[in-house]
Amino acid sequence: MAAVLCENCSGQYHTTQVNQPLEFSSMLLLIMFGKVLLDFFMLQVKQKDAKASFMGYFCVSLALLDFTLLLSISFIFYFEDFALWGVRFTKYHICLFTQIISLTYGTLHYPVYLVASMDYFMTIAQASRSPRRAHILLYVFAVGFIWISVFFYILKAPTTYEELEIQNRFSSYQCPLYASLQNYSVSCAMVLLIGVALLACWKEVITMLLSIRVISFASQPVLMFSYMSNNSTCFKRQLLPRLLICFLGTWAPFVLLQIIILFLGAQIPAYIEMNVPWLYFINSFLIAVAYWCCCHDVELTEEMWSTDPFVSWKFCFMPFNNETPEPADKPGTVIVIC
């Protein structure tokens, strides 16, 4: 696409590349450098024994692509004007590459979340089985297929070419970037579902939070929830407040950030909003939904608790998987340590 644009546009894009302000390229380098650091930091701090999943492999591929984009725009920024393999690269291509990446990232949300949801709904009840080599190859194939399909769609779609041409023609001193409607709709749906879940069980959540105590267990500070269990309550009804506490206990800042962004109506470029922390945030949400929907089919094994690299969901199923819980302070009270 880059070669086609350079050949068909006589003097207009040359004017754009000359007048393109240096501040944009410098700011883009700083943003991408910070994003790459954040991506690799999240990949390092996650639990090392986390179970392999499609989302985990996709996060690795996203971090590698961000790093490749950073190297590419850094190379162009440093040499400014050079030819490679018969194609002339200038600072105009920094904007062009970022626009293509933004369009690609903005189209990835629905397919990635759909495949990740299918992965968890099909495997959550079989967590005791380690991913075989065929499963890992399937994850790698799915990640590669999604990337190639979306890139092919973006580069071959006529509307994409027309949109980039019009944007760059009338924006000589700016680099207009694409903000994804897919991510906006996903954020709205998540905030809405979390709000409905909190309204549905806010009394149970408050009761559990008020019963929390910090104790020492195996020389480590742990949280103890001591609360009255109601045997007449539906299993899913008991599970929902636990899922909310586990999820919000880890990702509450992200939920608050999404509420602020939606309230302000901020437009975030797609190349920024698609990042590894955001994907792991979505990953935990999808796992919680899968646990709640398939709770009766969940195999309560130790390996199941390593499904999420950041959230420990073991608390949610204790003492449901314990037929003889330890004596509590008073009858009908269950003590859960997490």
Protein backbone atom coordinates (compact mmCIF):
# COMPACT_ATOMS: atom_id res chain seq x y z
CA MET A 1 0.00 0.00 0.00
CA ALA A 2 2.85 2.37 0.78
CA ALA A 3 4.37 1.94 -2.67
CA VAL A 4 1.03 2.51 -4.38
CA LEU A 5 0.40 5.70 -2.47
CA CYS A 6 3.85 7.08 -3.32
CA GLU A 7 3.51 6.27 -7.01
CA ASN A 8 0.01 7.64 -7.54
CA CYS A 9 0.35 10.85 -5.56
CA SER A 10 2.54 13.32 -7.40
CA GLY A 11 3.34 16.28 -5.23
CA GLN A 12 0.70 16.25 -2.59
CA TYR A 13 2.20 13.62 -0.29
CA HIS A 14 5.66 15.10 -0.75
CA THR A 15 4.26 18.34 0.61
CA THR A 16 2.73 16.43 3.50
CA GLN A 17 5.97 14.71 4.39
CA VAL A 18 7.90 18.00 4.35
CA ASN A 19 5.35 19.91 6.37
CA GLN A 20 4.72 17.06 8.79
CA PRO A 21 5.74 18.53 12.16
CA LEU A 22 8.68 16.96 13.92
CA GLU A 23 6.75 17.02 17.18
CA PHE A 24 4.31 14.36 15.98
CA SER A 25 7.05 11.87 15.14
CA SER A 26 8.81 12.50 18.43
CA MET A 27 5.57 12.15 20.41
CA LEU A 28 4.67 8.96 18.55
CA LEU A 29 8.09 7.48 19.35
CA LEU A 30 7.66 8.28 23.04
CA ILE A 31 4.15 6.82 23.11
CA MET A 32 5.18 3.62 21.36
CA PHE A 33 8.26 3.28 23.56
CA GLY A 34 6.10 3.58 26.68
CA LYS A 35 3.54 1.14 25.28
CA VAL A 36 6.20 -1.45 24.44
CA LEU A 37 7.68 -1.18 27.93
CA LEU A 38 4.22 -1.60 29.46
CA ASP A 39 3.46 -4.61 27.23
CA PHE A 40 6.64 -6.49 28.15
CA PHE A 41 6.28 -5.50 31.81
CA MET A 42 2.83 -7.08 31.95
CA LEU A 43 4.14 -10.21 30.24
CA GLN A 44 6.88 -10.47 32.87
CA VAL A 45 4.80 -9.85 36.01
CA LYS A 46 2.07 -12.36 35.16
CA GLN A 47 2.04 -15.72 36.91
CA LYS A 48 4.67 -17.94 35.34
CA ASP A 49 2.63 -21.12 35.82
CA ALA A 50 -0.46 -19.72 34.10
CA LYS A 51 -2.21 -22.16 31.83
CA ALA A 52 -1.67 -21.65 28.09
CA SER A 53 -4.56 -19.94 26.32
CA PHE A 54 -5.38 -18.20 23.08
CA MET A 55 -5.37 -14.80 24.76
CA GLY A 56 -1.92 -15.41 26.21
CA TYR A 57 -0.46 -16.17 22.78
CA PHE A 58 -2.23 -13.21 21.24
CA CYS A 59 -0.79 -10.87 23.90
CA VAL A 60 2.71 -12.07 23.04
CA SER A 61 2.07 -11.48 19.32
CA LEU A 62 0.72 -7.97 20.04
CA ALA A 63 3.80 -7.07 22.09
CA LEU A 64 6.08 -8.30 19.29
CA LEU A 65 4.16 -6.31 16.67
CA ASP A 66 4.31 -3.16 18.80
CA PHE A 67 8.04 -3.67 19.15
CA THR A 68 8.37 -4.12 15.37
CA LEU A 69 6.41 -0.90 14.76
CA LEU A 70 8.63 0.95 17.23
CA LEU A 71 11.77 -0.24 15.45
CA SER A 72 10.35 0.69 12.04
CA ILE A 73 9.32 4.24 12.92
CA SER A 74 12.57 4.74 14.87
CA PHE A 75 14.57 3.72 11.79
CA ILE A 76 12.58 6.08 9.55
CA PHE A 77 12.78 8.89 12.11
CA TYR A 78 16.56 8.59 12.31
CA PHE A 79 17.36 8.33 8.57
CA GLU A 80 14.43 10.59 7.49
CA ASP A 81 14.66 9.85 3.75
CA PHE A 82 16.01 6.60 2.27
CA ALA A 83 15.19 3.88 -0.26
CA LEU A 84 14.80 0.20 0.59
CA TRP A 85 13.94 -2.57 -1.88
CA GLY A 86 12.95 0.02 -4.47
CA VAL A 87 10.59 1.89 -2.15
CA ARG A 88 11.35 5.37 -0.89
CA PHE A 89 10.61 5.86 2.81
CA THR A 90 10.17 9.28 4.38
CA LYS A 91 8.60 10.64 7.56
CA TYR A 92 5.27 10.50 5.81
CA HIS A 93 5.44 6.71 6.22
CA ILE A 94 5.58 7.08 10.00
CA CYS A 95 2.08 8.48 9.83
CA LEU A 96 0.99 5.94 7.19
CA PHE A 97 2.24 2.92 9.16
CA THR A 98 0.58 4.20 12.32
CA GLN A 99 -2.70 4.71 10.47
CA ILE A 100 -2.61 1.17 9.07
CA ILE A 101 -1.80 -0.27 12.50
CA SER A 102 -4.63 1.77 14.03
CA LEU A 103 -7.12 0.46 11.47
CA THR A 104 -5.88 -3.09 12.05
CA TYR A 105 -6.01 -2.88 15.85
CA GLY A 106 -9.44 -1.29 15.74
CA THR A 107 -10.81 -4.22 13.73
CA LEU A 108 -9.34 -6.92 15.97
CA HIS A 109 -11.50 -6.53 19.08
CA TYR A 110 -14.54 -8.58 18.08
CA PRO A 111 -12.70 -11.55 16.51
CA VAL A 112 -10.14 -11.78 19.33
CA TYR A 113 -12.73 -11.64 22.11
CA LEU A 114 -14.97 -14.10 20.29
CA VAL A 115 -12.18 -16.68 19.88
CA ALA A 116 -11.03 -16.18 23.48
CA SER A 117 -14.60 -16.69 24.74
CA MET A 118 -14.94 -19.89 22.73
CA ASP A 119 -11.61 -21.08 24.10
CA TYR A 120 -12.69 -20.64 27.73
CA PHE A 121 -16.21 -21.97 27.28
CA MET A 122 -14.86 -25.13 25.64
CA THR A 123 -11.97 -25.76 28.04
CA ILE A 124 -13.10 -24.36 31.41
CA ALA A 125 -14.83 -27.63 32.33
CA GLN A 126 -11.75 -29.61 31.33
CA ALA A 127 -9.16 -27.61 33.24
CA SER A 128 -7.56 -30.72 34.69
CA ARG A 129 -6.22 -31.61 31.25
CA SER A 130 -3.02 -29.83 30.31
CA PRO A 131 -2.98 -28.22 26.87
CA ARG A 132 -1.55 -30.76 24.50
CA ARG A 133 0.80 -29.89 21.70
CA ALA A 134 -2.15 -29.90 19.33
CA HIS A 135 -3.88 -27.25 21.47
CA ILE A 136 -0.80 -25.03 21.45
CA LEU A 137 -0.44 -25.39 17.70
CA LEU A 138 -4.11 -24.51 17.37
CA TYR A 139 -3.58 -21.34 19.42
CA VAL A 140 -0.60 -20.34 17.28
CA PHE A 141 -2.55 -21.03 14.08
CA ALA A 142 -5.56 -19.04 15.35
CA VAL A 143 -3.38 -16.04 16.28
CA GLY A 144 -1.60 -16.08 12.93
CA PHE A 145 -4.84 -16.53 10.99
CA ILE A 146 -6.50 -13.58 12.72
CA TRP A 147 -3.54 -11.26 12.15
CA ILE A 148 -3.16 -12.23 8.48
CA SER A 149 -6.90 -12.03 7.81
CA VAL A 150 -7.29 -8.59 9.37
CA PHE A 151 -4.15 -7.21 7.69
CA PHE A 152 -5.36 -8.56 4.33
CA TYR A 153 -8.79 -7.01 4.88
CA ILE A 154 -7.33 -3.61 5.83
CA LEU A 155 -4.82 -3.46 2.97
CA LYS A 156 -7.20 -4.73 0.28
CA ALA A 157 -10.40 -2.97 1.25
CA PRO A 158 -11.09 -0.06 -1.17
CA THR A 159 -12.69 1.99 1.57
CA THR A 160 -9.47 1.87 3.59
CA TYR A 161 -7.44 3.29 0.72
CA GLU A 162 -9.99 6.05 0.12
CA GLU A 163 -10.15 6.92 3.82
CA LEU A 164 -6.38 7.20 4.17
CA GLU A 165 -6.10 9.23 0.97
CA ILE A 166 -8.82 11.70 2.00
CA GLN A 167 -7.46 12.07 5.54
CA ASN A 168 -3.93 12.77 4.42
CA ARG A 169 -5.03 15.08 1.61
CA PHE A 170 -6.88 17.46 3.90
CA SER A 171 -4.61 17.12 6.94
CA SER A 172 -1.27 18.48 5.80
CA TYR A 173 -0.04 19.31 9.29
CA GLN A 174 -1.65 16.47 11.21
CA CYS A 175 -1.79 12.71 11.20
CA PRO A 176 -5.45 11.73 11.77
CA LEU A 177 -5.67 8.38 13.53
CA TYR A 178 -8.51 5.90 13.79
CA ALA A 179 -10.48 5.38 17.02
CA SER A 180 -12.18 2.00 17.25
CA LEU A 181 -15.95 1.79 17.65
CA GLN A 182 -15.54 -1.88 18.54
CA ASN A 183 -13.56 -1.08 21.66
CA TYR A 184 -16.07 1.61 22.64
CA SER A 185 -18.97 -0.83 22.41
CA VAL A 186 -17.03 -3.47 24.38
CA SER A 187 -16.29 -0.95 27.13
CA CYS A 188 -19.95 0.07 27.32
CA ALA A 189 -21.07 -3.56 27.52
CA MET A 190 -18.55 -4.41 30.24
CA VAL A 191 -19.41 -1.42 32.41
CA LEU A 192 -23.12 -2.16 31.97
CA LEU A 193 -22.77 -5.85 32.88
CA ILE A 194 -20.59 -5.11 35.92
CA GLY A 195 -23.07 -2.48 37.07
CA VAL A 196 -26.03 -4.86 36.69
CA ALA A 197 -24.14 -7.61 38.57
CA LEU A 198 -23.33 -5.22 41.42
CA LEU A 199 -26.95 -4.11 41.65
CA ALA A 200 -28.08 -7.73 41.71
CA CYS A 201 -25.91 -8.75 44.68
CA TRP A 202 -24.78 -5.54 46.36
CA LYS A 203 -25.97 -6.71 49.77
CA GLU A 204 -23.89 -9.89 49.60
CA VAL A 205 -20.85 -7.95 48.40
CA ILE A 206 -21.10 -5.43 51.24
CA THR A 207 -21.61 -8.21 53.80
CA MET A 208 -18.51 -10.05 52.58
CA LEU A 209 -16.41 -6.89 52.52
CA LEU A 210 -17.48 -5.95 56.05
CA SER A 211 -16.50 -9.41 57.29
CA ILE A 212 -12.98 -9.20 55.89
CA ARG A 213 -10.05 -9.59 58.28
CA VAL A 214 -6.30 -9.65 57.78
CA ILE A 215 -4.59 -12.61 59.47
CA SER A 216 -1.24 -14.35 59.25
CA PHE A 217 -1.20 -17.69 57.46
CA ALA A 218 2.06 -19.57 56.81
CA SER A 219 3.98 -16.40 57.72
CA GLN A 220 2.12 -14.49 55.02
CA PRO A 221 -0.61 -11.84 55.47
CA VAL A 222 -3.86 -13.13 53.98
CA LEU A 223 -7.46 -11.94 53.79
CA MET A 224 -10.14 -13.93 55.59
CA PHE A 225 -13.81 -13.60 54.68
CA SER A 226 -16.15 -14.80 57.42
CA TYR A 227 -19.77 -14.67 56.31
CA MET A 228 -23.09 -16.43 56.76
CA SER A 229 -23.87 -18.94 54.01
CA ASN A 230 -27.44 -19.40 52.87
CA ASN A 231 -27.98 -22.95 51.66
CA SER A 232 -31.31 -22.06 50.10
CA THR A 233 -29.63 -19.61 47.73
CA CYS A 234 -28.90 -20.71 44.18
CA PHE A 235 -25.32 -21.72 43.52
CA LYS A 236 -24.91 -19.06 40.83
CA ARG A 237 -26.33 -16.49 43.23
CA GLN A 238 -23.64 -17.36 45.79
CA LEU A 239 -20.91 -17.41 43.16
CA LEU A 240 -21.66 -13.98 41.63
CA PRO A 241 -20.48 -11.77 44.56
CA ARG A 242 -17.31 -13.82 44.87
CA LEU A 243 -16.54 -13.36 41.18
CA LEU A 244 -17.12 -9.63 41.50
CA ILE A 245 -14.84 -9.32 44.53
CA CYS A 246 -12.05 -11.28 42.83
CA PHE A 247 -12.37 -9.36 39.57
CA LEU A 248 -12.72 -5.87 41.05
CA GLY A 249 -10.05 -6.59 43.66
CA THR A 250 -7.54 -6.80 40.81
CA TRP A 251 -8.99 -4.65 38.03
CA ALA A 252 -10.99 -1.93 39.86
CA PRO A 253 -8.66 0.87 38.53
CA PHE A 254 -9.33 -0.31 34.96
CA VAL A 255 -13.09 -0.34 35.53
CA LEU A 256 -12.93 3.19 36.97
CA LEU A 257 -10.80 4.31 34.03
CA GLN A 258 -13.35 2.91 31.57
CA ILE A 259 -16.16 4.77 33.34
CA ILE A 260 -14.19 8.04 33.16
CA ILE A 261 -13.36 7.57 29.48
CA LEU A 262 -16.97 6.78 28.59
CA PHE A 263 -18.26 9.70 30.67
CA LEU A 264 -15.87 12.17 29.04
CA GLY A 265 -16.37 10.69 25.58
CA ALA A 266 -12.60 10.59 25.01
CA GLN A 267 -11.44 9.34 21.62
CA ILE A 268 -8.33 7.18 22.08
CA PRO A 269 -6.39 6.14 18.96
CA ALA A 270 -6.71 2.43 18.25
CA TYR A 271 -2.95 1.83 18.27
CA ILE A 272 -2.92 2.91 21.94
CA GLU A 273 -6.09 1.32 23.28
CA MET A 274 -5.20 -2.16 21.99
CA ASN A 275 -2.49 -3.11 24.51
CA VAL A 276 -1.49 -6.05 26.68
CA PRO A 277 -2.89 -4.69 30.01
CA TRP A 278 -6.25 -4.06 28.35
CA LEU A 279 -6.30 -7.57 26.86
CA TYR A 280 -5.55 -9.18 30.21
CA PHE A 281 -8.32 -7.06 31.73
CA ILE A 282 -10.74 -8.38 29.11
CA ASN A 283 -9.30 -11.86 29.63
CA SER A 284 -10.21 -11.85 33.33
CA PHE A 285 -13.71 -10.61 32.52
CA LEU A 286 -14.24 -13.41 29.98
CA ILE A 287 -12.98 -16.01 32.46
CA ALA A 288 -15.39 -14.72 35.12
CA VAL A 289 -18.30 -14.94 32.67
CA ALA A 290 -17.26 -18.46 31.66
CA TYR A 291 -16.99 -19.56 35.30
CA TRP A 292 -20.42 -18.15 36.10
CA CYS A 293 -22.11 -19.69 33.05
CA CYS A 294 -20.38 -23.10 33.37
CA CYS A 295 -20.08 -23.25 37.16
CA HIS A 296 -21.86 -26.62 37.40
CA ASP A 297 -19.45 -28.16 34.87
CA VAL A 298 -16.22 -26.80 36.38
CA GLU A 299 -13.76 -29.49 37.46
CA LEU A 300 -12.45 -28.33 40.83
CA THR A 301 -8.75 -29.10 40.46
CA GLU A 302 -5.65 -27.16 41.36
CA GLU A 303 -4.79 -26.59 37.71
CA MET A 304 -8.07 -24.80 37.14
CA TRP A 305 -6.94 -21.93 39.40
CA SER A 306 -4.03 -21.07 37.05
CA THR A 307 -6.32 -20.21 34.13
CA ASP A 308 -5.93 -16.47 34.74
CA PRO A 309 -2.39 -15.01 34.90
CA PHE A 310 -3.45 -12.23 37.31
CA VAL A 311 -6.62 -13.12 39.23
CA SER A 312 -6.79 -16.01 41.66
CA TRP A 313 -10.28 -17.49 41.22
CA LYS A 314 -9.77 -20.24 43.82
CA PHE A 315 -11.56 -18.14 46.43
CA CYS A 316 -14.72 -18.15 44.33
CA PHE A 317 -15.11 -21.95 44.54
CA MET A 318 -14.14 -22.40 48.19
CA PRO A 319 -15.82 -23.91 50.17
CA PHE A 320 -18.01 -25.23 47.33
CA ASN A 321 -15.36 -27.84 46.62
CA ASN A 322 -14.86 -28.68 50.27
CA GLU A 323 -17.39 -31.09 51.71
CA THR A 324 -15.91 -30.93 55.21
CA PRO A 325 -14.90 -27.34 55.88
CA GLU A 326 -12.97 -26.48 58.99
CA PRO A 327 -14.99 -25.44 62.06
CA ALA A 328 -15.90 -21.78 61.99
CA ASP A 329 -16.47 -19.25 64.73
CA LYS A 330 -20.17 -20.05 64.85
CA PRO A 331 -22.60 -22.42 63.13
CA GLY A 332 -23.46 -21.53 59.57
CA THR A 333 -20.36 -19.38 59.11
CA VAL A 334 -17.84 -20.24 56.42
CA ILE A 335 -14.25 -19.06 56.56
CA VAL A 336 -12.49 -18.61 53.28
CA ILE A 337 -8.82 -17.66 53.00
CA CYS A 338 -7.40 -16.17 49.83
